[in-house]
Amino acid sequence: MSITLRQLEIFIAVAETAQVTKASKKLFVTQSAVSMALAELENQLGGSLFDRHGRSLLLNARGRYLLPLAKDITCQVGNIESIMSERNDTLEGHIEVVASTTLGNYILPYLIGGFKRVHPKVHVNMLVYQTSYAEKLVYDKKMDLGFVEGPLSRKEEILSRPWFEDELIILCGPTDPLAHHEVFNMKTDMKGKKWIMRERGSGTDETIRKKFGKYMDNVNIVMEMGHPEAVKRAVESGAGITCLSALSICREVENGWLKSLKIDDLDMKRQLKIIQRRDLELTDAHAEFLSFCDVMTICNESRVCLSSPWKLQSLLARHSSLKK
């Protein structure tokens, strides 16, 4: 049994508001995330914690017993955070970061900006390259930390830890016949389509080729481009369709410039990773930055940051205030 602090925070919020809807708004997460966390907690503890009365959730005897214990635990964690945050104004250092294209353009800038608001005296430098070269820079000790999306080749020398999951999505222009669909069928929708792909060697391209497998024989590639922004502009113009990270398409989809489709017969999720040399001695600045980056795990659980950069900024602002 492994109870998480997040589960206890959600339990307390539901106990205090008596509704999943109100608790989700209080915690800035989705209702489904609240319901899932509550169900997992009740399952781990071997029984229900609430009695359901219409839309209201009222604590039962087990829940009333747990509530003060949960509040005490979260309070103690808060005290630890408060004590440790006293170092924030004095924390100094340099962090050299390299990121693959998708992460370096659509996620890391927000994370670094949020981190700098909490730790203004820590200097963070970032380079953006393909996963393979990012791994090389970490291996050669030119970069401290790497944030990558593709497969690694130096597994013995490089320490890798899972970060959060991304999903690759089909994109078409608003006038494409596919724009009337919600899902893309690899067997029926592939015919006659022109594809605009990321450049060979990119993490996105390697993942697509691996996931598509035998379907790659039917992919008519008319263009390869070295940046997702260029790919999106070409798709907007009607030159073809593409497959890109969900992290990179927020603005275009929300504004109606592109239409996104999930692939219904393939699992297009991929694990994003944080890498470092095994012999890297982590400084306090490194440790604080890695801890800050864990906010993406929370985002991933509630699907917050995967739909809009503005939602990510909002969550990071809240995360920053808790760190102060």
Protein backbone atom coordinates (compact mmCIF):
# COMPACT_ATOMS: atom_id res chain seq x y z
CA MET A 1 0.00 0.00 0.00
CA SER A 2 1.40 3.37 -1.00
CA ILE A 3 -0.69 6.39 0.01
CA THR A 4 0.41 9.64 -1.60
CA LEU A 5 0.33 13.15 -0.21
CA ARG A 6 -1.78 14.18 -3.20
CA GLN A 7 -4.43 11.61 -2.29
CA LEU A 8 -4.61 12.98 1.24
CA GLU A 9 -4.87 16.57 -0.03
CA ILE A 10 -7.74 15.56 -2.31
CA PHE A 11 -9.43 13.64 0.52
CA ILE A 12 -9.25 16.72 2.78
CA ALA A 13 -10.62 18.98 0.04
CA VAL A 14 -13.58 16.68 -0.60
CA ALA A 15 -14.22 16.38 3.14
CA GLU A 16 -14.25 20.17 3.51
CA THR A 17 -16.37 20.91 0.43
CA ALA A 18 -18.57 17.78 0.39
CA GLN A 19 -18.46 17.76 -3.42
CA VAL A 20 -16.05 16.51 -6.05
CA THR A 21 -16.78 19.53 -8.25
CA LYS A 22 -15.93 22.06 -5.54
CA ALA A 23 -12.83 20.09 -4.49
CA SER A 24 -11.54 20.01 -8.09
CA LYS A 25 -11.92 23.79 -8.40
CA LYS A 26 -10.20 24.32 -5.06
CA LEU A 27 -7.22 22.20 -6.12
CA PHE A 28 -7.13 23.29 -9.79
CA VAL A 29 -7.49 19.73 -11.07
CA THR A 30 -10.13 17.91 -13.08
CA GLN A 31 -13.12 16.21 -11.48
CA SER A 32 -11.97 12.88 -12.91
CA ALA A 33 -8.58 13.32 -11.22
CA VAL A 34 -10.32 13.92 -7.87
CA SER A 35 -12.62 10.92 -8.30
CA MET A 36 -9.74 8.67 -9.34
CA ALA A 37 -7.52 9.71 -6.41
CA LEU A 38 -10.38 9.23 -3.97
CA ALA A 39 -11.22 5.80 -5.37
CA GLU A 40 -7.56 4.74 -5.17
CA LEU A 41 -7.29 5.94 -1.57
CA GLU A 42 -10.45 4.10 -0.53
CA ASN A 43 -9.21 0.97 -2.29
CA GLN A 44 -5.83 1.19 -0.54
CA LEU A 45 -7.50 1.66 2.84
CA GLY A 46 -9.93 -1.18 2.27
CA GLY A 47 -13.23 0.65 2.40
CA SER A 48 -15.23 3.77 1.68
CA LEU A 49 -14.56 7.05 3.48
CA PHE A 50 -17.75 8.86 2.48
CA ASP A 51 -21.48 8.26 2.38
CA ARG A 52 -23.08 9.46 -0.84
CA HIS A 53 -26.16 11.67 -0.47
CA GLY A 54 -27.18 12.88 -3.93
CA ARG A 55 -24.32 15.04 -5.14
CA SER A 56 -22.89 15.44 -1.65
CA LEU A 57 -20.17 13.32 -0.08
CA LEU A 58 -20.33 13.19 3.71
CA LEU A 59 -17.66 11.59 5.88
CA ASN A 60 -18.55 8.23 7.38
CA ALA A 61 -16.97 6.87 10.58
CA ARG A 62 -13.80 5.77 8.77
CA GLY A 63 -13.51 9.13 7.05
CA ARG A 64 -13.98 11.06 10.30
CA TYR A 65 -11.21 9.00 11.87
CA LEU A 66 -8.86 9.62 8.94
CA LEU A 67 -9.46 13.37 8.56
CA PRO A 68 -7.40 14.63 11.55
CA LEU A 69 -4.61 12.19 10.71
CA ALA A 70 -4.52 13.38 7.10
CA LYS A 71 -4.50 17.02 8.16
CA ASP A 72 -1.64 16.36 10.57
CA ILE A 73 0.43 14.67 7.86
CA THR A 74 -0.12 17.45 5.31
CA CYS A 75 0.63 20.04 7.99
CA GLN A 76 3.93 18.35 8.84
CA VAL A 77 4.89 18.25 5.15
CA GLY A 78 3.98 21.92 4.91
CA ASN A 79 6.27 22.65 7.84
CA ILE A 80 9.12 20.83 6.10
CA GLU A 81 8.53 22.82 2.92
CA SER A 82 8.43 26.05 4.91
CA ILE A 83 11.71 25.27 6.66
CA MET A 84 13.43 24.22 3.45
CA SER A 85 12.08 27.22 1.52
CA GLU A 86 14.09 29.51 3.78
CA ARG A 87 17.01 28.56 1.54
CA ASN A 88 15.29 29.87 -1.57
CA ASP A 89 16.59 33.43 -1.38
CA THR A 90 20.14 32.26 -0.76
CA LEU A 91 20.31 29.33 -3.18
CA GLU A 92 22.91 30.03 -5.85
CA GLY A 93 24.57 28.07 -8.63
CA HIS A 94 24.67 27.30 -12.33
CA ILE A 95 22.65 24.65 -14.15
CA GLU A 96 23.44 23.62 -17.72
CA VAL A 97 20.41 22.05 -19.40
CA VAL A 98 19.97 20.52 -22.84
CA ALA A 99 16.56 19.54 -24.19
CA SER A 100 15.23 17.83 -27.28
CA THR A 101 13.24 20.00 -29.68
CA THR A 102 9.71 19.46 -28.38
CA LEU A 103 10.61 19.78 -24.70
CA GLY A 104 13.04 22.63 -25.30
CA ASN A 105 10.48 24.70 -27.17
CA TYR A 106 7.20 23.92 -25.42
CA ILE A 107 7.88 22.84 -21.81
CA LEU A 108 11.32 23.79 -20.44
CA PRO A 109 10.96 27.57 -20.99
CA TYR A 110 7.91 27.61 -18.70
CA LEU A 111 9.64 25.43 -16.10
CA ILE A 112 12.82 27.50 -16.11
CA GLY A 113 10.82 30.72 -15.86
CA GLY A 114 8.86 29.39 -12.89
CA PHE A 115 12.02 28.11 -11.22
CA LYS A 116 13.76 31.48 -11.65
CA ARG A 117 10.88 33.25 -9.92
CA VAL A 118 11.54 31.12 -6.85
CA HIS A 119 15.35 31.00 -7.11
CA PRO A 120 16.45 34.22 -8.83
CA LYS A 121 20.14 33.71 -7.98
CA VAL A 122 20.43 30.39 -9.81
CA HIS A 123 21.58 30.77 -13.43
CA VAL A 124 20.02 28.28 -15.85
CA ASN A 125 21.33 27.94 -19.41
CA MET A 126 19.56 25.78 -21.99
CA LEU A 127 20.46 24.42 -25.42
CA VAL A 128 18.04 22.65 -27.78
CA TYR A 129 19.10 19.71 -29.98
CA GLN A 130 17.91 16.32 -31.18
CA THR A 131 17.83 13.62 -28.50
CA SER A 132 20.94 11.86 -29.80
CA TYR A 133 23.09 15.00 -29.64
CA ALA A 134 21.56 16.06 -26.32
CA GLU A 135 22.63 12.70 -24.91
CA LYS A 136 26.15 13.22 -26.29
CA LEU A 137 26.45 16.63 -24.61
CA VAL A 138 25.46 15.12 -21.27
CA TYR A 139 27.88 12.22 -21.81
CA ASP A 140 30.72 14.62 -22.68
CA LYS A 141 30.03 16.59 -19.46
CA LYS A 142 29.18 19.73 -21.42
CA MET A 143 25.63 19.72 -20.03
CA ASP A 144 24.47 18.71 -16.55
CA LEU A 145 20.92 17.57 -17.24
CA GLY A 146 19.10 16.44 -20.36
CA PHE A 147 15.36 16.38 -21.06
CA VAL A 148 14.71 14.06 -23.98
CA GLU A 149 11.99 12.23 -25.88
CA GLY A 150 13.81 9.64 -28.00
CA PRO A 151 15.71 6.38 -27.36
CA LEU A 152 19.13 6.48 -25.67
CA SER A 153 22.32 4.76 -26.86
CA ARG A 154 24.68 5.17 -23.87
CA LYS A 155 22.63 3.40 -21.24
CA GLU A 156 25.62 2.23 -19.17
CA GLU A 157 27.10 5.71 -18.68
CA ILE A 158 23.85 7.70 -18.61
CA LEU A 159 21.36 7.63 -15.75
CA SER A 160 17.81 8.00 -17.03
CA ARG A 161 14.64 8.45 -15.04
CA PRO A 162 11.07 8.62 -16.36
CA TRP A 163 9.53 12.08 -16.32
CA PHE A 164 6.01 12.15 -17.77
CA GLU A 165 4.13 10.76 -20.76
CA ASP A 166 3.51 12.52 -24.06
CA GLU A 167 1.23 11.43 -26.90
CA LEU A 168 1.69 11.85 -30.64
CA ILE A 169 -1.37 13.19 -32.46
CA ILE A 170 -2.41 13.35 -36.12
CA LEU A 171 -2.87 16.91 -37.43
CA CYS A 172 -4.61 18.16 -40.55
CA GLY A 173 -5.66 21.54 -41.89
CA PRO A 174 -9.18 22.88 -41.19
CA THR A 175 -10.26 22.33 -44.81
CA ASP A 176 -8.96 18.77 -45.06
CA PRO A 177 -11.74 16.12 -45.23
CA LEU A 178 -10.20 14.55 -42.11
CA ALA A 179 -11.13 17.70 -40.16
CA HIS A 180 -14.63 16.25 -39.80
CA HIS A 181 -13.23 13.19 -37.98
CA GLU A 182 -12.30 12.75 -34.34
CA VAL A 183 -10.05 9.72 -34.80
CA PHE A 184 -7.63 8.58 -37.50
CA ASN A 185 -7.89 5.00 -38.72
CA MET A 186 -4.56 3.69 -39.97
CA LYS A 187 -6.22 1.26 -42.37
CA THR A 188 -8.83 3.51 -43.99
CA ASP A 189 -7.64 7.11 -43.59
CA MET A 190 -4.08 6.65 -44.86
CA LYS A 191 -5.02 6.32 -48.53
CA GLY A 192 -4.04 9.25 -50.74
CA LYS A 193 -2.63 11.37 -47.90
CA LYS A 194 0.57 13.38 -48.22
CA TRP A 195 2.71 13.43 -45.09
CA ILE A 196 4.94 16.17 -43.72
CA MET A 197 7.37 14.66 -41.23
CA ARG A 198 9.94 15.83 -38.72
CA GLU A 199 13.53 15.36 -39.85
CA ARG A 200 15.21 11.95 -39.67
CA GLY A 201 16.95 11.39 -36.35
CA SER A 202 14.55 13.48 -34.29
CA GLY A 203 12.94 11.79 -31.31
CA THR A 204 9.49 12.39 -32.78
CA ASP A 205 10.42 10.83 -36.13
CA GLU A 206 11.98 7.78 -34.50
CA THR A 207 8.94 7.25 -32.29
CA ILE A 208 6.52 7.57 -35.22
CA ARG A 209 8.45 5.06 -37.33
CA LYS A 210 8.58 2.60 -34.46
CA LYS A 211 4.91 3.00 -33.55
CA PHE A 212 3.63 2.95 -37.14
CA GLY A 213 5.58 -0.22 -37.94
CA LYS A 214 4.18 -1.87 -41.06
CA TYR A 215 1.98 1.16 -41.76
CA MET A 216 5.11 3.18 -42.69
CA ASP A 217 4.99 1.45 -46.08
CA ASN A 218 1.82 3.45 -46.82
CA VAL A 219 3.12 6.82 -45.58
CA ASN A 220 3.70 9.09 -48.59
CA ILE A 221 6.29 11.55 -47.26
CA VAL A 222 6.40 14.69 -49.41
CA MET A 223 8.40 16.89 -47.00
CA GLU A 224 10.70 16.59 -43.99
CA MET A 225 11.26 19.64 -41.79
CA GLY A 226 13.62 20.33 -38.92
CA HIS A 227 11.23 22.08 -36.56
CA PRO A 228 7.63 21.39 -35.45
CA GLU A 229 6.67 25.02 -36.11
CA ALA A 230 7.62 24.65 -39.77
CA VAL A 231 5.71 21.38 -39.98
CA LYS A 232 2.58 23.00 -38.53
CA ARG A 233 2.72 25.94 -40.92
CA ALA A 234 2.96 23.55 -43.87
CA VAL A 235 -0.04 21.57 -42.62
CA GLU A 236 -2.01 24.80 -42.11
CA SER A 237 -1.34 25.65 -45.76
CA GLY A 238 -2.92 22.37 -46.86
CA ALA A 239 0.31 20.75 -48.03
CA GLY A 240 -0.41 17.53 -46.15
CA ILE A 241 -1.00 15.96 -42.75
CA THR A 242 1.44 15.18 -39.96
CA CYS A 243 1.93 13.54 -36.59
CA LEU A 244 3.35 15.66 -33.76
CA SER A 245 3.55 15.82 -29.99
CA ALA A 246 0.40 16.92 -28.16
CA LEU A 247 2.69 19.33 -26.30
CA SER A 248 3.37 21.31 -29.46
CA ILE A 249 -0.10 21.83 -30.91
CA CYS A 250 -2.07 23.68 -28.20
CA ARG A 251 -2.40 27.13 -29.72
CA GLU A 252 -3.17 25.94 -33.24
CA VAL A 253 -5.87 23.50 -32.17
CA GLU A 254 -7.49 25.92 -29.70
CA ASN A 255 -7.61 28.62 -32.39
CA GLY A 256 -8.98 26.30 -35.06
CA TRP A 257 -5.94 26.59 -37.32
CA LEU A 258 -5.36 22.84 -37.14
CA LYS A 259 -7.54 19.83 -36.35
CA SER A 260 -6.16 17.09 -34.10
CA LEU A 261 -7.12 13.43 -34.35
CA LYS A 262 -6.19 10.57 -32.07
CA ILE A 263 -5.12 7.33 -33.69
CA ASP A 264 -7.71 4.74 -32.72
CA ASP A 265 -5.77 1.56 -33.41
CA LEU A 266 -2.26 2.40 -32.13
CA ASP A 267 -0.87 3.41 -28.75
CA MET A 268 1.02 6.62 -29.53
CA LYS A 269 2.13 7.45 -26.00
CA ARG A 270 5.84 7.83 -25.27
CA GLN A 271 7.84 8.19 -22.07
CA LEU A 272 9.79 11.43 -21.71
CA LYS A 273 13.00 11.22 -19.70
CA ILE A 274 15.46 13.23 -17.62
CA ILE A 275 19.08 12.15 -18.08
CA GLN A 276 22.42 12.83 -16.39
CA ARG A 277 25.82 11.20 -16.15
CA ARG A 278 25.95 8.54 -13.46
CA ASP A 279 28.97 10.25 -11.91
CA LEU A 280 27.41 13.73 -11.81
CA GLU A 281 27.55 15.20 -8.31
CA LEU A 282 24.24 16.96 -7.85
CA THR A 283 24.45 20.41 -6.28
CA ASP A 284 21.64 21.93 -4.21
CA ALA A 285 20.66 23.90 -7.32
CA HIS A 286 20.40 20.70 -9.38
CA ALA A 287 18.31 19.01 -6.69
CA GLU A 288 15.94 21.98 -6.38
CA PHE A 289 15.48 22.20 -10.15
CA LEU A 290 14.75 18.48 -10.48
CA SER A 291 12.27 18.74 -7.63
CA PHE A 292 10.60 21.68 -9.35
CA CYS A 293 10.34 19.71 -12.59
CA ASP A 294 8.29 17.08 -10.78
CA VAL A 295 5.30 19.42 -11.21
CA MET A 296 5.00 17.86 -14.67
CA THR A 297 4.05 14.56 -13.03
CA ILE A 298 1.12 16.32 -11.38
CA CYS A 299 0.21 17.88 -14.73
CA ASN A 300 0.36 14.49 -16.40
CA GLU A 301 -1.89 12.84 -13.81
CA SER A 302 -4.61 15.46 -14.27
CA ARG A 303 -3.89 16.12 -18.00
CA VAL A 304 -3.63 19.83 -17.18
CA CYS A 305 -0.54 20.92 -19.06
CA LEU A 306 -1.06 18.74 -22.10
CA SER A 307 -3.92 20.86 -23.44
CA SER A 308 -2.77 24.46 -23.12
CA PRO A 309 0.41 26.38 -22.29
CA TRP A 310 -1.73 28.88 -20.39
CA LYS A 311 -2.95 26.14 -18.05
CA LEU A 312 0.66 25.07 -17.57
CA GLN A 313 1.66 28.63 -16.69
CA SER A 314 -1.19 28.82 -14.16
CA LEU A 315 -0.15 25.56 -12.50
CA LEU A 316 3.51 26.63 -12.40
CA ALA A 317 2.55 29.94 -10.80
CA ARG A 318 0.66 28.04 -8.10
CA HIS A 319 3.55 25.60 -7.69
CA SER A 320 5.99 28.52 -7.37
CA SER A 321 3.92 30.15 -4.63
CA LEU A 322 3.90 26.90 -2.66
CA LYS A 323 7.69 26.69 -2.97
CA LYS A 324 8.24 30.18 -1.56
